[in-house]
C-alpha cells in the first residue's frame, strides 16, 4: 500500500530580529506550530539584527532556525546595503519611498521562504509586514502580499496538484506601531532581545526611521522600551 504524503502543517516565519518579526514569531508559535524561522542575510550594512534573530528563535524554541546568506548587497541599490551611502535621519515624507527601500526585498525573501515551506511541507509563511506605520515600502502593502499568495498557488508543485493552498500570513499588516507593541506585550515578546535600528552599533541611534517608529509605538502604548535609556527616548520623542 502506497502511503499518501502528509498534509502540510506548521509555518515558516521570516525573522529579521526586529520588533515586528519578533511579534510575528511569538504569534506563530501559538497559532501555527511547528514553527521554523528563516533569517536572510541579503547584504545588510550590519549584522546586529541577526544576533537578535538567533536570540528570539532560541527564546521561543522554534523547531529550526535557518540563516541563509545571499550576497546581493552589490546588486541592490539601497542605503541599507551600501555602507558608502548615508542613512536618512528623521521620517520620510508621506508618499515618498525612502532610500532605505531595498529593491524587491520582500519578493526575494518570500521566494526563499516559499521554497523552504514547500520543501518541508509547511502550510504557511508568516511575515511581519506592516501597511499602516510602514516606511513607504511598496512590498509591504496588502495587494503585493495577495499577489504573492497567488504566485505561490501557480508556481509550486503543491499548488499545481490542487493540494492545500500555501498561505501568506501577515498578522500585523493593519496594526499601528502602538497596537504591535500591545500585541507583543500580550504574547510576552522580550523587547530587549529585538533590534530595529538601521545603523547597527551597540545602541540604537534614535534618529533613523526605524528608531523613530519604534519609539512612537512604545510611547503611544504608554510602555517603556527596555532597549533604550531615558535620554534616548527623550531625544527620539522630540523629532518623531
C-alpha atoms as a PDB file:
ATOM      1  CA  UNK A   1       0.000   0.000   0.000  1.00  0.00           C
ATOM      2  CA  UNK A   2       1.380   3.385  -1.053  1.00  0.00           C
ATOM      3  CA  UNK A   3       1.170   5.951   1.731  1.00  0.00           C
ATOM      4  CA  UNK A   4      -0.029   9.419   0.863  1.00  0.00           C
ATOM      5  CA  UNK A   5       2.181  12.397   1.704  1.00  0.00           C
ATOM      6  CA  UNK A   6       1.211  14.091   4.928  1.00  0.00           C
ATOM      7  CA  UNK A   7      -0.902  17.210   4.769  1.00  0.00           C
ATOM      8  CA  UNK A   8       1.186  20.391   5.099  1.00  0.00           C
ATOM      9  CA  UNK A   9       1.147  21.835   8.612  1.00  0.00           C
ATOM     10  CA  UNK A  10       3.109  24.386  10.579  1.00  0.00           C
ATOM     11  CA  UNK A  11       4.746  27.571   9.397  1.00  0.00           C
ATOM     12  CA  UNK A  12       7.959  29.338   8.498  1.00  0.00           C
ATOM     13  CA  UNK A  13       8.460  32.847   9.877  1.00  0.00           C
ATOM     14  CA  UNK A  14      10.674  35.411   8.168  1.00  0.00           C
ATOM     15  CA  UNK A  15      12.646  36.543  11.207  1.00  0.00           C
ATOM     16  CA  UNK A  16      14.747  39.680  10.893  1.00  0.00           C
ATOM     17  CA  UNK A  17      15.203  40.231  14.623  1.00  0.00           C
ATOM     18  CA  UNK A  18      13.092  43.389  14.751  1.00  0.00           C
ATOM     19  CA  UNK A  19      10.048  44.148  16.883  1.00  0.00           C
ATOM     20  CA  UNK A  20       7.593  43.303  14.112  1.00  0.00           C
ATOM     21  CA  UNK A  21       9.098  39.960  13.145  1.00  0.00           C
ATOM     22  CA  UNK A  22       9.564  39.111  16.827  1.00  0.00           C
ATOM     23  CA  UNK A  23       5.865  39.716  17.462  1.00  0.00           C
ATOM     24  CA  UNK A  24       5.012  37.732  14.332  1.00  0.00           C
ATOM     25  CA  UNK A  25       7.136  34.828  15.603  1.00  0.00           C
ATOM     26  CA  UNK A  26       5.510  34.873  19.046  1.00  0.00           C
ATOM     27  CA  UNK A  27       2.074  34.725  17.446  1.00  0.00           C
ATOM     28  CA  UNK A  28       3.007  31.902  15.052  1.00  0.00           C
ATOM     29  CA  UNK A  29       4.324  29.789  17.924  1.00  0.00           C
ATOM     30  CA  UNK A  30       0.828  29.923  19.440  1.00  0.00           C
ATOM     31  CA  UNK A  31      -1.260  29.618  16.283  1.00  0.00           C
ATOM     32  CA  UNK A  32       0.732  27.647  13.665  1.00  0.00           C
ATOM     33  CA  UNK A  33       3.148  25.142  15.195  1.00  0.00           C
ATOM     34  CA  UNK A  34       5.563  23.644  14.486  1.00  0.00           C
ATOM     35  CA  UNK A  35       7.381  26.872  13.626  1.00  0.00           C
ATOM     36  CA  UNK A  36      10.556  27.225  11.586  1.00  0.00           C
ATOM     37  CA  UNK A  37      12.366  30.575  11.480  1.00  0.00           C
ATOM     38  CA  UNK A  38      14.195  31.863   8.413  1.00  0.00           C
ATOM     39  CA  UNK A  39      16.682  34.742   8.573  1.00  0.00           C
ATOM     40  CA  UNK A  40      18.161  36.020   5.316  1.00  0.00           C
ATOM     41  CA  UNK A  41      21.453  37.912   5.104  1.00  0.00           C
ATOM     42  CA  UNK A  42      20.986  39.729   1.818  1.00  0.00           C
ATOM     43  CA  UNK A  43      23.819  42.222   2.233  1.00  0.00           C
ATOM     44  CA  UNK A  44      22.617  44.461   5.073  1.00  0.00           C
ATOM     45  CA  UNK A  45      25.183  47.014   6.176  1.00  0.00           C
ATOM     46  CA  UNK A  46      25.294  45.456   9.655  1.00  0.00           C
ATOM     47  CA  UNK A  47      24.612  42.028  11.158  1.00  0.00           C
ATOM     48  CA  UNK A  48      23.452  43.248  14.574  1.00  0.00           C
ATOM     49  CA  UNK A  49      19.866  42.198  13.905  1.00  0.00           C
ATOM     50  CA  UNK A  50      20.966  38.616  13.198  1.00  0.00           C
ATOM     51  CA  UNK A  51      22.072  38.240  16.826  1.00  0.00           C
ATOM     52  CA  UNK A  52      18.575  39.322  17.824  1.00  0.00           C
ATOM     53  CA  UNK A  53      17.015  36.831  15.415  1.00  0.00           C
ATOM     54  CA  UNK A  54      19.058  33.988  16.897  1.00  0.00           C
ATOM     55  CA  UNK A  55      18.144  35.062  20.446  1.00  0.00           C
ATOM     56  CA  UNK A  56      14.422  35.267  19.599  1.00  0.00           C
ATOM     57  CA  UNK A  57      14.451  31.863  17.891  1.00  0.00           C
ATOM     58  CA  UNK A  58      16.090  30.338  20.959  1.00  0.00           C
ATOM     59  CA  UNK A  59      13.716  32.077  23.374  1.00  0.00           C
ATOM     60  CA  UNK A  60      10.609  30.800  21.574  1.00  0.00           C
ATOM     61  CA  UNK A  61      12.010  27.320  20.983  1.00  0.00           C
ATOM     62  CA  UNK A  62      11.401  27.088  17.244  1.00  0.00           C
ATOM     63  CA  UNK A  63      11.707  23.715  15.570  1.00  0.00           C
ATOM     64  CA  UNK A  64      14.513  25.004  13.367  1.00  0.00           C
ATOM     65  CA  UNK A  65      16.217  28.342  12.713  1.00  0.00           C
ATOM     66  CA  UNK A  66      17.954  28.704   9.370  1.00  0.00           C
ATOM     67  CA  UNK A  67      20.227  31.623   8.461  1.00  0.00           C
ATOM     68  CA  UNK A  68      20.662  31.976   4.698  1.00  0.00           C
ATOM     69  CA  UNK A  69      23.408  34.075   3.097  1.00  0.00           C
ATOM     70  CA  UNK A  70      22.527  35.725  -0.209  1.00  0.00           C
ATOM     71  CA  UNK A  71      25.359  38.115  -1.190  1.00  0.00           C
ATOM     72  CA  UNK A  72      23.079  40.502  -3.050  1.00  0.00           C
ATOM     73  CA  UNK A  73      24.278  43.749  -1.488  1.00  0.00           C
ATOM     74  CA  UNK A  74      26.270  44.979  -4.532  1.00  0.00           C
ATOM     75  CA  UNK A  75      23.225  44.342  -6.758  1.00  0.00           C
ATOM     76  CA  UNK A  76      20.623  46.106  -4.605  1.00  0.00           C
ATOM     77  CA  UNK A  77      20.762  49.902  -4.617  1.00  0.00           C
ATOM     78  CA  UNK A  78      19.793  50.974  -1.112  1.00  0.00           C
ATOM     79  CA  UNK A  79      21.243  52.906   1.792  1.00  0.00           C
ATOM     80  CA  UNK A  80      20.729  49.725   3.837  1.00  0.00           C
ATOM     81  CA  UNK A  81      23.092  47.717   1.633  1.00  0.00           C
ATOM     82  CA  UNK A  82      25.745  50.287   0.700  1.00  0.00           C
ATOM     83  CA  UNK A  83      27.974  51.389   3.549  1.00  0.00           C
ATOM     84  CA  UNK A  84      29.095  54.377   1.483  1.00  0.00           C
ATOM     85  CA  UNK A  85      25.502  55.682   1.439  1.00  0.00           C
ATOM     86  CA  UNK A  86      24.262  57.952   4.168  1.00  0.00           C
ATOM     87  CA  UNK A  87      21.304  56.753   6.189  1.00  0.00           C
ATOM     88  CA  UNK A  88      18.428  59.245   6.244  1.00  0.00           C
ATOM     89  CA  UNK A  89      17.691  60.892   9.577  1.00  0.00           C
ATOM     90  CA  UNK A  90      14.082  61.571  10.528  1.00  0.00           C
ATOM     91  CA  UNK A  91      10.853  60.388   8.984  1.00  0.00           C
ATOM     92  CA  UNK A  92      10.463  60.316   5.207  1.00  0.00           C
ATOM     93  CA  UNK A  93       7.847  62.489   3.581  1.00  0.00           C
ATOM     94  CA  UNK A  94       4.430  60.815   3.148  1.00  0.00           C
ATOM     95  CA  UNK A  95       4.094  59.166  -0.250  1.00  0.00           C
ATOM     96  CA  UNK A  96       7.829  59.127  -0.903  1.00  0.00           C
ATOM     97  CA  UNK A  97       9.779  55.874  -0.973  1.00  0.00           C
ATOM     98  CA  UNK A  98      12.872  56.373   1.227  1.00  0.00           C
ATOM     99  CA  UNK A  99      16.436  55.448   0.325  1.00  0.00           C
ATOM    100  CA  UNK A 100      16.244  52.590   2.848  1.00  0.00           C
ATOM    101  CA  UNK A 101      13.937  50.740   0.458  1.00  0.00           C
ATOM    102  CA  UNK A 102      15.733  47.593  -0.753  1.00  0.00           C
ATOM    103  CA  UNK A 103      14.576  46.756  -4.308  1.00  0.00           C
ATOM    104  CA  UNK A 104      12.319  43.683  -4.367  1.00  0.00           C
ATOM    105  CA  UNK A 105      13.480  42.614  -0.893  1.00  0.00           C
ATOM    106  CA  UNK A 106      10.218  41.066   0.247  1.00  0.00           C
ATOM    107  CA  UNK A 107       9.803  39.350  -3.117  1.00  0.00           C
ATOM    108  CA  UNK A 108      13.229  37.755  -2.648  1.00  0.00           C
ATOM    109  CA  UNK A 109      12.657  36.830   0.995  1.00  0.00           C
ATOM    110  CA  UNK A 110       9.201  35.401   0.355  1.00  0.00           C
ATOM    111  CA  UNK A 111      10.535  33.380  -2.601  1.00  0.00           C
ATOM    112  CA  UNK A 112      13.173  31.784  -0.355  1.00  0.00           C
ATOM    113  CA  UNK A 113      10.534  31.129   2.307  1.00  0.00           C
ATOM    114  CA  UNK A 114       8.220  29.632  -0.306  1.00  0.00           C
ATOM    115  CA  UNK A 115      10.838  27.140  -1.439  1.00  0.00           C
ATOM    116  CA  UNK A 116      11.598  26.270   2.167  1.00  0.00           C
ATOM    117  CA  UNK A 117       7.927  25.865   3.090  1.00  0.00           C
ATOM    118  CA  UNK A 118       7.191  23.575   0.157  1.00  0.00           C
ATOM    119  CA  UNK A 119      10.317  21.503   0.794  1.00  0.00           C
ATOM    120  CA  UNK A 120       9.410  20.988   4.460  1.00  0.00           C
ATOM    121  CA  UNK A 121       5.659  20.505   3.977  1.00  0.00           C
ATOM    122  CA  UNK A 122       4.748  23.691   5.853  1.00  0.00           C
ATOM    123  CA  UNK A 123       1.327  25.243   5.339  1.00  0.00           C
ATOM    124  CA  UNK A 124       2.046  28.930   5.957  1.00  0.00           C
ATOM    125  CA  UNK A 125       4.619  31.691   5.521  1.00  0.00           C
ATOM    126  CA  UNK A 126       4.450  34.394   8.205  1.00  0.00           C
ATOM    127  CA  UNK A 127       5.852  37.864   7.586  1.00  0.00           C
ATOM    128  CA  UNK A 128       5.790  40.921   9.850  1.00  0.00           C
ATOM    129  CA  UNK A 129       4.912  43.374   7.075  1.00  0.00           C
ATOM    130  CA  UNK A 130       3.005  46.466   8.172  1.00  0.00           C
ATOM    131  CA  UNK A 131       0.946  48.705   5.884  1.00  0.00           C
ATOM    132  CA  UNK A 132      -0.066  51.463   8.343  1.00  0.00           C
ATOM    133  CA  UNK A 133       3.080  52.632  10.116  1.00  0.00           C
ATOM    134  CA  UNK A 134       5.391  51.298   7.414  1.00  0.00           C
ATOM    135  CA  UNK A 135       8.121  53.461   5.909  1.00  0.00           C
ATOM    136  CA  UNK A 136       6.713  53.791   2.392  1.00  0.00           C
ATOM    137  CA  UNK A 137       7.842  50.432   1.038  1.00  0.00           C
ATOM    138  CA  UNK A 138       5.657  49.147  -1.833  1.00  0.00           C
ATOM    139  CA  UNK A 139       6.275  45.493  -0.898  1.00  0.00           C
ATOM    140  CA  UNK A 140       4.565  45.912   2.488  1.00  0.00           C
ATOM    141  CA  UNK A 141       1.130  46.562   1.005  1.00  0.00           C
ATOM    142  CA  UNK A 142      -1.843  44.160   1.013  1.00  0.00           C
ATOM    143  CA  UNK A 143      -2.077  43.945  -2.828  1.00  0.00           C
ATOM    144  CA  UNK A 144       1.532  42.772  -3.033  1.00  0.00           C
ATOM    145  CA  UNK A 145       1.029  40.040  -0.430  1.00  0.00           C
ATOM    146  CA  UNK A 146      -2.194  38.850  -2.082  1.00  0.00           C
ATOM    147  CA  UNK A 147      -0.380  38.708  -5.421  1.00  0.00           C
ATOM    148  CA  UNK A 148       2.449  36.659  -3.932  1.00  0.00           C
ATOM    149  CA  UNK A 149      -0.034  34.214  -2.450  1.00  0.00           C
ATOM    150  CA  UNK A 150      -1.497  33.727  -5.945  1.00  0.00           C
ATOM    151  CA  UNK A 151       2.028  33.189  -7.274  1.00  0.00           C
ATOM    152  CA  UNK A 152       2.555  30.506  -4.615  1.00  0.00           C
ATOM    153  CA  UNK A 153      -0.513  28.649  -5.900  1.00  0.00           C
ATOM    154  CA  UNK A 154       0.565  28.887  -9.519  1.00  0.00           C
ATOM    155  CA  UNK A 155       4.286  28.244  -9.184  1.00  0.00           C
ATOM    156  CA  UNK A 156       4.565  25.281  -6.829  1.00  0.00           C
ATOM    157  CA  UNK A 157       4.022  21.546  -7.127  1.00  0.00           C
ATOM    158  CA  UNK A 158       1.643  21.746  -4.210  1.00  0.00           C
ATOM    159  CA  UNK A 159      -0.497  24.317  -5.983  1.00  0.00           C
ATOM    160  CA  UNK A 160      -0.321  22.589  -9.365  1.00  0.00           C
ATOM    161  CA  UNK A 161      -1.507  19.316  -7.837  1.00  0.00           C
ATOM    162  CA  UNK A 162      -4.513  21.126  -6.328  1.00  0.00           C
ATOM    163  CA  UNK A 163      -3.288  20.441  -2.845  1.00  0.00           C
ATOM    164  CA  UNK A 164      -3.992  22.749   0.111  1.00  0.00           C
ATOM    165  CA  UNK A 165      -3.040  26.293  -0.854  1.00  0.00           C
ATOM    166  CA  UNK A 166       0.011  27.648   0.928  1.00  0.00           C
ATOM    167  CA  UNK A 167      -0.980  30.788   2.842  1.00  0.00           C
ATOM    168  CA  UNK A 168       0.959  34.023   3.295  1.00  0.00           C
ATOM    169  CA  UNK A 169       0.075  35.322   6.757  1.00  0.00           C
ATOM    170  CA  UNK A 170       0.775  38.945   7.724  1.00  0.00           C
ATOM    171  CA  UNK A 171      -0.893  39.343  11.132  1.00  0.00           C
ATOM    172  CA  UNK A 172       0.465  42.854  11.764  1.00  0.00           C
ATOM    173  CA  UNK A 173      -0.475  44.249   8.382  1.00  0.00           C
ATOM    174  CA  UNK A 174      -3.162  46.669   9.543  1.00  0.00           C
ATOM    175  CA  UNK A 175      -1.844  47.427  13.035  1.00  0.00           C
ATOM    176  CA  UNK A 176      -0.297  50.685  14.191  1.00  0.00           C
ATOM    177  CA  UNK A 177       3.060  50.501  15.945  1.00  0.00           C
ATOM    178  CA  UNK A 178       1.328  51.039  19.281  1.00  0.00           C
ATOM    179  CA  UNK A 179      -1.000  48.118  18.557  1.00  0.00           C
ATOM    180  CA  UNK A 180       2.000  45.961  17.651  1.00  0.00           C
ATOM    181  CA  UNK A 181       3.660  46.837  20.955  1.00  0.00           C
ATOM    182  CA  UNK A 182       0.487  45.932  22.860  1.00  0.00           C
ATOM    183  CA  UNK A 183       0.190  42.663  20.922  1.00  0.00           C
ATOM    184  CA  UNK A 184       3.816  41.870  21.690  1.00  0.00           C
ATOM    185  CA  UNK A 185       3.186  42.520  25.364  1.00  0.00           C
ATOM    186  CA  UNK A 186       0.259  40.101  25.264  1.00  0.00           C
ATOM    187  CA  UNK A 187       2.486  37.486  23.629  1.00  0.00           C
ATOM    188  CA  UNK A 188       5.416  38.070  26.019  1.00  0.00           C
ATOM    189  CA  UNK A 189       7.831  39.286  23.357  1.00  0.00           C
ATOM    190  CA  UNK A 190      11.216  40.023  25.006  1.00  0.00           C
ATOM    191  CA  UNK A 191      11.718  43.515  23.590  1.00  0.00           C
ATOM    192  CA  UNK A 192      15.261  43.704  24.939  1.00  0.00           C
ATOM    193  CA  UNK A 193      16.242  40.925  22.507  1.00  0.00           C
ATOM    194  CA  UNK A 194      14.860  42.711  19.437  1.00  0.00           C
ATOM    195  CA  UNK A 195      16.696  45.239  17.253  1.00  0.00           C
ATOM    196  CA  UNK A 196      15.192  47.873  14.973  1.00  0.00           C
ATOM    197  CA  UNK A 197      17.915  50.477  14.286  1.00  0.00           C
ATOM    198  CA  UNK A 198      19.137  50.768  10.701  1.00  0.00           C
ATOM    199  CA  UNK A 199      22.574  51.947  11.841  1.00  0.00           C
ATOM    200  CA  UNK A 200      23.616  48.957  13.915  1.00  0.00           C
ATOM    201  CA  UNK A 201      26.157  49.664  16.638  1.00  0.00           C
ATOM    202  CA  UNK A 202      25.999  48.951  20.350  1.00  0.00           C
ATOM    203  CA  UNK A 203      22.961  51.130  20.995  1.00  0.00           C
ATOM    204  CA  UNK A 204      20.116  52.346  18.741  1.00  0.00           C
ATOM    205  CA  UNK A 205      20.896  55.670  17.082  1.00  0.00           C
ATOM    206  CA  UNK A 206      17.468  57.106  17.994  1.00  0.00           C
ATOM    207  CA  UNK A 207      17.293  59.133  14.784  1.00  0.00           C
ATOM    208  CA  UNK A 208      16.671  56.772  11.852  1.00  0.00           C
ATOM    209  CA  UNK A 209      13.176  55.970  10.586  1.00  0.00           C
ATOM    210  CA  UNK A 210      13.083  52.591  12.314  1.00  0.00           C
ATOM    211  CA  UNK A 211      14.109  54.045  15.678  1.00  0.00           C
ATOM    212  CA  UNK A 212      11.506  56.808  15.471  1.00  0.00           C
ATOM    213  CA  UNK A 213       8.699  54.427  14.548  1.00  0.00           C
ATOM    214  CA  UNK A 214       9.674  52.113  17.382  1.00  0.00           C
ATOM    215  CA  UNK A 215       9.837  54.967  19.894  1.00  0.00           C
ATOM    216  CA  UNK A 216       6.431  56.266  18.820  1.00  0.00           C
ATOM    217  CA  UNK A 217       4.919  52.809  19.199  1.00  0.00           C
ATOM    218  CA  UNK A 218       6.135  52.418  22.767  1.00  0.00           C
ATOM    219  CA  UNK A 219       5.215  55.987  23.638  1.00  0.00           C
ATOM    220  CA  UNK A 220       1.653  55.695  22.301  1.00  0.00           C
ATOM    221  CA  UNK A 221       1.262  52.308  24.014  1.00  0.00           C
ATOM    222  CA  UNK A 222       2.443  54.021  27.233  1.00  0.00           C
ATOM    223  CA  UNK A 223       5.150  51.453  27.770  1.00  0.00           C
ATOM    224  CA  UNK A 224       8.910  51.694  28.204  1.00  0.00           C
ATOM    225  CA  UNK A 225      11.241  50.219  25.605  1.00  0.00           C
ATOM    226  CA  UNK A 226      13.903  48.323  27.582  1.00  0.00           C
ATOM    227  CA  UNK A 227      16.369  48.593  24.699  1.00  0.00           C
ATOM    228  CA  UNK A 228      16.944  52.332  25.139  1.00  0.00           C
ATOM    229  CA  UNK A 229      17.563  54.584  28.101  1.00  0.00           C
ATOM    230  CA  UNK A 230      15.582  57.631  29.170  1.00  0.00           C
ATOM    231  CA  UNK A 231      17.861  60.047  27.354  1.00  0.00           C
ATOM    232  CA  UNK A 232      17.430  58.190  24.034  1.00  0.00           C
ATOM    233  CA  UNK A 233      13.662  58.106  24.437  1.00  0.00           C
ATOM    234  CA  UNK A 234      13.543  61.846  25.078  1.00  0.00           C
ATOM    235  CA  UNK A 235      15.736  62.655  22.085  1.00  0.00           C
ATOM    236  CA  UNK A 236      13.689  60.446  19.799  1.00  0.00           C
ATOM    237  CA  UNK A 237      10.415  61.921  21.033  1.00  0.00           C
ATOM    238  CA  UNK A 238      11.471  65.409  20.077  1.00  0.00           C
ATOM    239  CA  UNK A 239      11.773  64.555  16.388  1.00  0.00           C
ATOM    240  CA  UNK A 240       9.208  61.809  15.977  1.00  0.00           C
END
